[in-house]
Amino acid sequence: MNALFEFSGQPDRTDPTRYRGQLHQAWVGLHLPYYQESSPRAAEMRKAYHGHVGPMLALSGVERARSLRDARDLFELERALAAVASTKDDGHTPSRFRVNAPSSNLPEFAAAFADRCFVW
């Protein structure tokens, strides 16, 4: 599941003898403009989305009252991520975000991750 971030890897474009790990922003539940727009359509989509997420959380086993709170909190997190998300239209260039580091430095970059399964 790609939630918040997507992890992947591929041969390095500048040195095909090396493999590189990649971390990308993942998508949120709605199209990005719906989180910020004040149009009636955007408000309708946000309401429908919230009305969908709460029951889905409840179906997964989360207690109903908590699922509604969690749906609200999840939406606010997604709204914050959408506000700073990179898009194809904003001049995003991969080299702007590239960090070259040997794999021995990865634990330092991933220190906040409790599960180190992505660090090699």
N, C-alpha and C. Protein backbone atom coordinates (compact mmCIF):
# COMPACT_ATOMS: atom_id res chain seq x y z
N MET A 1 0.85 -1.18 0.00
CA MET A 1 0.00 0.00 0.00
C MET A 1 0.89 1.23 0.00
N ASN A 2 0.65 2.14 -0.90
CA ASN A 2 1.40 3.39 -0.95
C ASN A 2 0.58 4.48 -0.27
N ALA A 3 0.84 4.66 1.00
CA ALA A 3 0.14 5.68 1.76
C ALA A 3 1.16 6.74 2.15
N LEU A 4 0.90 7.96 1.80
CA LEU A 4 1.77 9.11 2.05
C LEU A 4 3.03 9.09 1.19
N PHE A 5 3.75 7.96 1.18
CA PHE A 5 4.96 7.87 0.38
C PHE A 5 4.99 6.55 -0.36
N GLU A 6 5.63 6.54 -1.51
CA GLU A 6 5.83 5.33 -2.29
C GLU A 6 7.32 5.00 -2.28
N PHE A 7 7.64 3.77 -2.01
CA PHE A 7 9.03 3.31 -2.03
C PHE A 7 9.23 2.47 -3.28
N SER A 8 10.30 2.72 -3.98
CA SER A 8 10.61 1.93 -5.17
C SER A 8 12.11 1.99 -5.42
N GLY A 9 12.53 1.37 -6.49
CA GLY A 9 13.94 1.40 -6.86
C GLY A 9 14.10 1.09 -8.32
N GLN A 10 15.22 1.50 -8.87
CA GLN A 10 15.52 1.24 -10.28
C GLN A 10 17.00 1.52 -10.50
N PRO A 11 17.54 1.07 -11.63
CA PRO A 11 18.94 1.39 -11.92
C PRO A 11 19.13 2.91 -12.00
N ASP A 12 20.24 3.36 -11.48
CA ASP A 12 20.55 4.78 -11.52
C ASP A 12 20.72 5.24 -12.96
N ARG A 13 20.08 6.35 -13.32
CA ARG A 13 20.14 6.84 -14.70
C ARG A 13 21.54 7.32 -15.09
N THR A 14 22.30 7.78 -14.11
CA THR A 14 23.62 8.31 -14.42
C THR A 14 24.71 7.25 -14.30
N ASP A 15 24.42 6.14 -13.62
CA ASP A 15 25.39 5.05 -13.47
C ASP A 15 24.61 3.73 -13.41
N PRO A 16 24.37 3.10 -14.55
CA PRO A 16 23.54 1.88 -14.57
C PRO A 16 24.14 0.70 -13.83
N THR A 17 25.36 0.82 -13.33
CA THR A 17 25.93 -0.27 -12.54
C THR A 17 25.45 -0.19 -11.09
N ARG A 18 24.75 0.88 -10.77
CA ARG A 18 24.24 1.08 -9.41
C ARG A 18 22.72 1.05 -9.42
N TYR A 19 22.16 0.59 -8.34
CA TYR A 19 20.71 0.58 -8.16
C TYR A 19 20.40 1.65 -7.12
N ARG A 20 19.33 2.38 -7.33
CA ARG A 20 19.00 3.43 -6.36
C ARG A 20 17.61 3.23 -5.79
N GLY A 21 17.47 3.51 -4.52
CA GLY A 21 16.16 3.51 -3.87
C GLY A 21 15.49 4.85 -4.11
N GLN A 22 14.19 4.84 -4.18
CA GLN A 22 13.46 6.08 -4.44
C GLN A 22 12.30 6.21 -3.46
N LEU A 23 12.06 7.42 -3.04
CA LEU A 23 10.95 7.76 -2.17
C LEU A 23 10.18 8.87 -2.87
N HIS A 24 8.92 8.64 -3.15
CA HIS A 24 8.09 9.61 -3.86
C HIS A 24 6.88 9.98 -3.01
N GLN A 25 6.35 11.18 -3.24
CA GLN A 25 5.09 11.51 -2.60
C GLN A 25 4.02 10.63 -3.24
N ALA A 26 3.15 10.09 -2.42
CA ALA A 26 2.03 9.31 -2.93
C ALA A 26 0.84 10.25 -3.05
N TRP A 27 -0.22 9.74 -3.62
CA TRP A 27 -1.41 10.57 -3.80
C TRP A 27 -2.30 10.46 -2.59
N VAL A 28 -3.08 11.49 -2.39
CA VAL A 28 -4.07 11.51 -1.33
C VAL A 28 -5.41 11.08 -1.94
N GLY A 29 -6.47 11.03 -1.16
CA GLY A 29 -7.74 10.48 -1.61
C GLY A 29 -8.46 11.25 -2.70
N LEU A 30 -8.39 12.56 -2.67
CA LEU A 30 -9.08 13.40 -3.65
C LEU A 30 -8.08 14.01 -4.62
N HIS A 31 -8.58 14.52 -5.72
CA HIS A 31 -7.71 15.30 -6.61
C HIS A 31 -7.27 16.54 -5.83
N LEU A 32 -6.02 16.94 -5.99
CA LEU A 32 -5.44 18.02 -5.19
C LEU A 32 -6.29 19.29 -5.11
N PRO A 33 -6.86 19.79 -6.21
CA PRO A 33 -7.62 21.05 -6.11
C PRO A 33 -8.80 20.99 -5.15
N TYR A 34 -9.39 19.82 -4.96
CA TYR A 34 -10.56 19.72 -4.08
C TYR A 34 -10.24 20.04 -2.63
N TYR A 35 -9.00 19.92 -2.22
CA TYR A 35 -8.64 20.22 -0.83
C TYR A 35 -8.60 21.72 -0.56
N GLN A 36 -8.34 22.53 -1.58
CA GLN A 36 -8.14 23.96 -1.38
C GLN A 36 -9.24 24.84 -1.95
N GLU A 37 -9.89 24.38 -3.01
CA GLU A 37 -10.89 25.22 -3.68
C GLU A 37 -12.08 25.49 -2.78
N SER A 38 -12.70 26.65 -2.99
CA SER A 38 -13.89 27.02 -2.21
C SER A 38 -15.17 26.88 -3.02
N SER A 39 -15.08 26.26 -4.19
CA SER A 39 -16.26 26.11 -5.05
C SER A 39 -17.27 25.15 -4.42
N PRO A 40 -18.55 25.30 -4.79
CA PRO A 40 -19.56 24.35 -4.29
C PRO A 40 -19.22 22.90 -4.65
N ARG A 41 -18.68 22.67 -5.84
CA ARG A 41 -18.32 21.32 -6.26
C ARG A 41 -17.23 20.74 -5.36
N ALA A 42 -16.21 21.54 -5.02
CA ALA A 42 -15.14 21.08 -4.15
C ALA A 42 -15.69 20.76 -2.75
N ALA A 43 -16.57 21.61 -2.24
CA ALA A 43 -17.17 21.37 -0.92
C ALA A 43 -18.00 20.09 -0.94
N GLU A 44 -18.71 19.85 -2.03
CA GLU A 44 -19.51 18.64 -2.18
C GLU A 44 -18.61 17.39 -2.21
N MET A 45 -17.50 17.49 -2.92
CA MET A 45 -16.58 16.35 -3.00
C MET A 45 -15.93 16.07 -1.64
N ARG A 46 -15.56 17.11 -0.90
CA ARG A 46 -14.97 16.91 0.43
C ARG A 46 -15.97 16.24 1.37
N LYS A 47 -17.21 16.69 1.32
CA LYS A 47 -18.25 16.12 2.18
C LYS A 47 -18.48 14.65 1.82
N ALA A 48 -18.57 14.35 0.54
CA ALA A 48 -18.79 12.97 0.10
C ALA A 48 -17.60 12.09 0.49
N TYR A 49 -16.39 12.62 0.35
CA TYR A 49 -15.19 11.86 0.70
C TYR A 49 -15.18 11.54 2.19
N HIS A 50 -15.45 12.54 3.00
CA HIS A 50 -15.50 12.33 4.45
C HIS A 50 -16.58 11.31 4.78
N GLY A 51 -17.72 11.40 4.11
CA GLY A 51 -18.80 10.45 4.33
C GLY A 51 -18.46 9.03 3.91
N HIS A 52 -17.46 8.89 3.08
CA HIS A 52 -17.01 7.57 2.63
C HIS A 52 -15.92 7.01 3.55
N VAL A 53 -14.97 7.84 3.95
CA VAL A 53 -13.82 7.36 4.72
C VAL A 53 -14.23 6.86 6.10
N GLY A 54 -15.08 7.58 6.80
CA GLY A 54 -15.51 7.15 8.14
C GLY A 54 -16.10 5.75 8.13
N PRO A 55 -17.10 5.48 7.29
CA PRO A 55 -17.66 4.13 7.23
C PRO A 55 -16.65 3.07 6.79
N MET A 56 -15.71 3.42 5.92
CA MET A 56 -14.69 2.44 5.51
C MET A 56 -13.80 2.08 6.69
N LEU A 57 -13.46 3.06 7.51
CA LEU A 57 -12.68 2.77 8.72
C LEU A 57 -13.48 1.89 9.67
N ALA A 58 -14.78 2.17 9.81
CA ALA A 58 -15.63 1.36 10.67
C ALA A 58 -15.71 -0.08 10.16
N LEU A 59 -15.81 -0.25 8.84
CA LEU A 59 -15.84 -1.60 8.28
C LEU A 59 -14.54 -2.36 8.52
N SER A 60 -13.44 -1.62 8.68
CA SER A 60 -12.16 -2.28 8.93
C SER A 60 -12.00 -2.70 10.39
N GLY A 61 -12.99 -2.34 11.22
CA GLY A 61 -12.95 -2.76 12.61
C GLY A 61 -12.77 -1.63 13.60
N VAL A 62 -12.59 -0.42 13.13
CA VAL A 62 -12.45 0.73 14.03
C VAL A 62 -13.82 1.06 14.61
N GLU A 63 -13.87 1.30 15.91
CA GLU A 63 -15.14 1.65 16.58
C GLU A 63 -15.75 2.88 15.89
N ARG A 64 -17.06 2.90 15.72
CA ARG A 64 -17.74 3.90 14.89
C ARG A 64 -17.41 5.34 15.26
N ALA A 65 -17.53 5.69 16.54
CA ALA A 65 -17.25 7.08 16.95
C ALA A 65 -15.80 7.45 16.63
N ARG A 66 -14.90 6.51 16.88
CA ARG A 66 -13.49 6.77 16.58
C ARG A 66 -13.27 6.88 15.08
N SER A 67 -13.98 6.06 14.29
CA SER A 67 -13.78 6.10 12.84
C SER A 67 -14.16 7.46 12.27
N LEU A 68 -15.17 8.11 12.84
CA LEU A 68 -15.56 9.44 12.35
C LEU A 68 -14.51 10.48 12.72
N ARG A 69 -13.96 10.37 13.93
CA ARG A 69 -12.87 11.29 14.33
C ARG A 69 -11.64 11.05 13.47
N ASP A 70 -11.30 9.77 13.28
CA ASP A 70 -10.12 9.44 12.48
C ASP A 70 -10.28 9.91 11.04
N ALA A 71 -11.49 9.82 10.49
CA ALA A 71 -11.75 10.29 9.13
C ALA A 71 -11.49 11.79 9.04
N ARG A 72 -11.93 12.52 10.04
CA ARG A 72 -11.70 13.97 10.06
C ARG A 72 -10.20 14.27 10.15
N ASP A 73 -9.50 13.56 11.05
CA ASP A 73 -8.06 13.78 11.20
C ASP A 73 -7.30 13.40 9.93
N LEU A 74 -7.70 12.30 9.31
CA LEU A 74 -7.08 11.88 8.07
C LEU A 74 -7.27 12.93 6.98
N PHE A 75 -8.47 13.48 6.90
CA PHE A 75 -8.72 14.51 5.91
C PHE A 75 -7.82 15.73 6.14
N GLU A 76 -7.68 16.14 7.39
CA GLU A 76 -6.83 17.30 7.70
C GLU A 76 -5.37 17.02 7.35
N LEU A 77 -4.91 15.80 7.59
CA LEU A 77 -3.55 15.43 7.19
C LEU A 77 -3.42 15.49 5.67
N GLU A 78 -4.39 14.94 4.96
CA GLU A 78 -4.35 14.98 3.50
C GLU A 78 -4.39 16.42 2.99
N ARG A 79 -5.20 17.26 3.63
CA ARG A 79 -5.27 18.67 3.21
C ARG A 79 -3.91 19.34 3.36
N ALA A 80 -3.22 19.06 4.47
CA ALA A 80 -1.90 19.65 4.69
C ALA A 80 -0.90 19.14 3.65
N LEU A 81 -0.95 17.84 3.34
CA LEU A 81 -0.06 17.29 2.32
C LEU A 81 -0.37 17.87 0.94
N ALA A 82 -1.64 18.01 0.63
CA ALA A 82 -2.04 18.56 -0.67
C ALA A 82 -1.56 20.00 -0.84
N ALA A 83 -1.50 20.74 0.26
CA ALA A 83 -1.09 22.14 0.19
C ALA A 83 0.37 22.29 -0.24
N VAL A 84 1.19 21.29 0.01
CA VAL A 84 2.61 21.39 -0.33
C VAL A 84 3.04 20.37 -1.37
N ALA A 85 2.08 19.65 -1.95
CA ALA A 85 2.40 18.59 -2.91
C ALA A 85 3.00 19.16 -4.19
N SER A 86 3.93 18.43 -4.72
CA SER A 86 4.53 18.77 -6.00
C SER A 86 3.62 18.25 -7.11
N THR A 87 3.45 19.03 -8.14
CA THR A 87 2.64 18.60 -9.29
C THR A 87 3.48 18.71 -10.55
N LYS A 88 3.02 18.09 -11.61
CA LYS A 88 3.72 18.16 -12.89
C LYS A 88 3.69 19.58 -13.44
N ASP A 89 2.69 20.36 -13.06
CA ASP A 89 2.55 21.71 -13.59
C ASP A 89 3.38 22.76 -12.87
N ASP A 90 3.94 22.42 -11.70
CA ASP A 90 4.66 23.44 -10.93
C ASP A 90 6.15 23.46 -11.20
N GLY A 91 6.58 22.83 -12.27
CA GLY A 91 7.99 22.86 -12.61
C GLY A 91 8.80 21.82 -11.87
N HIS A 92 8.15 20.79 -11.37
CA HIS A 92 8.85 19.72 -10.64
C HIS A 92 9.92 19.09 -11.54
N THR A 93 11.12 19.06 -11.05
CA THR A 93 12.20 18.38 -11.75
C THR A 93 12.84 17.41 -10.77
N PRO A 94 12.95 16.14 -11.12
CA PRO A 94 13.50 15.15 -10.19
C PRO A 94 14.88 15.52 -9.66
N SER A 95 15.73 16.14 -10.47
CA SER A 95 17.07 16.46 -10.00
C SER A 95 17.04 17.47 -8.86
N ARG A 96 15.98 18.26 -8.78
CA ARG A 96 15.85 19.24 -7.72
C ARG A 96 15.76 18.56 -6.35
N PHE A 97 15.25 17.34 -6.33
CA PHE A 97 15.02 16.64 -5.08
C PHE A 97 15.98 15.48 -4.86
N ARG A 98 16.92 15.31 -5.74
CA ARG A 98 17.80 14.14 -5.68
C ARG A 98 18.81 14.29 -4.54
N VAL A 99 18.98 13.24 -3.78
CA VAL A 99 19.97 13.19 -2.72
C VAL A 99 20.89 12.03 -3.03
N ASN A 100 22.14 12.32 -3.28
CA ASN A 100 23.11 11.27 -3.54
C ASN A 100 23.78 10.90 -2.21
N ALA A 101 23.63 9.66 -1.84
CA ALA A 101 24.23 9.21 -0.59
C ALA A 101 24.53 7.72 -0.71
N PRO A 102 25.65 7.29 -0.16
CA PRO A 102 25.92 5.85 -0.17
C PRO A 102 24.93 5.14 0.76
N SER A 103 24.72 3.85 0.51
CA SER A 103 23.75 3.10 1.31
C SER A 103 24.13 3.07 2.78
N SER A 104 25.39 3.27 3.10
CA SER A 104 25.81 3.29 4.51
C SER A 104 25.20 4.49 5.25
N ASN A 105 24.79 5.53 4.53
CA ASN A 105 24.17 6.70 5.16
C ASN A 105 22.66 6.58 5.30
N LEU A 106 22.06 5.55 4.71
CA LEU A 106 20.61 5.44 4.75
C LEU A 106 20.02 5.36 6.16
N PRO A 107 20.64 4.64 7.11
CA PRO A 107 20.06 4.65 8.46
C PRO A 107 19.95 6.05 9.05
N GLU A 108 20.89 6.93 8.73
CA GLU A 108 20.82 8.31 9.20
C GLU A 108 19.61 9.04 8.60
N PHE A 109 19.36 8.84 7.30
CA PHE A 109 18.24 9.49 6.65
C PHE A 109 16.90 8.90 7.09
N ALA A 110 16.91 7.63 7.49
CA ALA A 110 15.68 6.94 7.86
C ALA A 110 15.54 6.77 9.37
N ALA A 111 16.20 7.61 10.14
CA ALA A 111 16.20 7.45 11.59
C ALA A 111 14.80 7.48 12.19
N ALA A 112 13.87 8.20 11.58
CA ALA A 112 12.52 8.31 12.13
C ALA A 112 11.68 7.06 11.86
N PHE A 113 12.12 6.19 10.97
CA PHE A 113 11.35 4.99 10.67
C PHE A 113 11.61 3.93 11.73
N ALA A 114 10.56 3.48 12.37
CA ALA A 114 10.70 2.43 13.37
C ALA A 114 11.03 1.10 12.70
N ASP A 115 10.47 0.87 11.53
CA ASP A 115 10.70 -0.37 10.80
C ASP A 115 11.80 -0.11 9.78
N ARG A 116 12.94 -0.74 9.96
CA ARG A 116 14.08 -0.49 9.10
C ARG A 116 14.10 -1.39 7.85
N CYS A 117 12.97 -2.01 7.53
CA CYS A 117 12.98 -2.97 6.42
C CYS A 117 13.29 -2.30 5.08
N PHE A 118 13.15 -0.99 4.98
CA PHE A 118 13.42 -0.30 3.72
C PHE A 118 14.87 0.17 3.63
N VAL A 119 15.61 -0.01 4.69
CA VAL A 119 17.00 0.46 4.72
C VAL A 119 17.92 -0.72 4.43
N TRP A 120 18.76 -0.58 3.42
CA TRP A 120 19.69 -1.65 3.10
C TRP A 120 21.11 -1.15 3.12
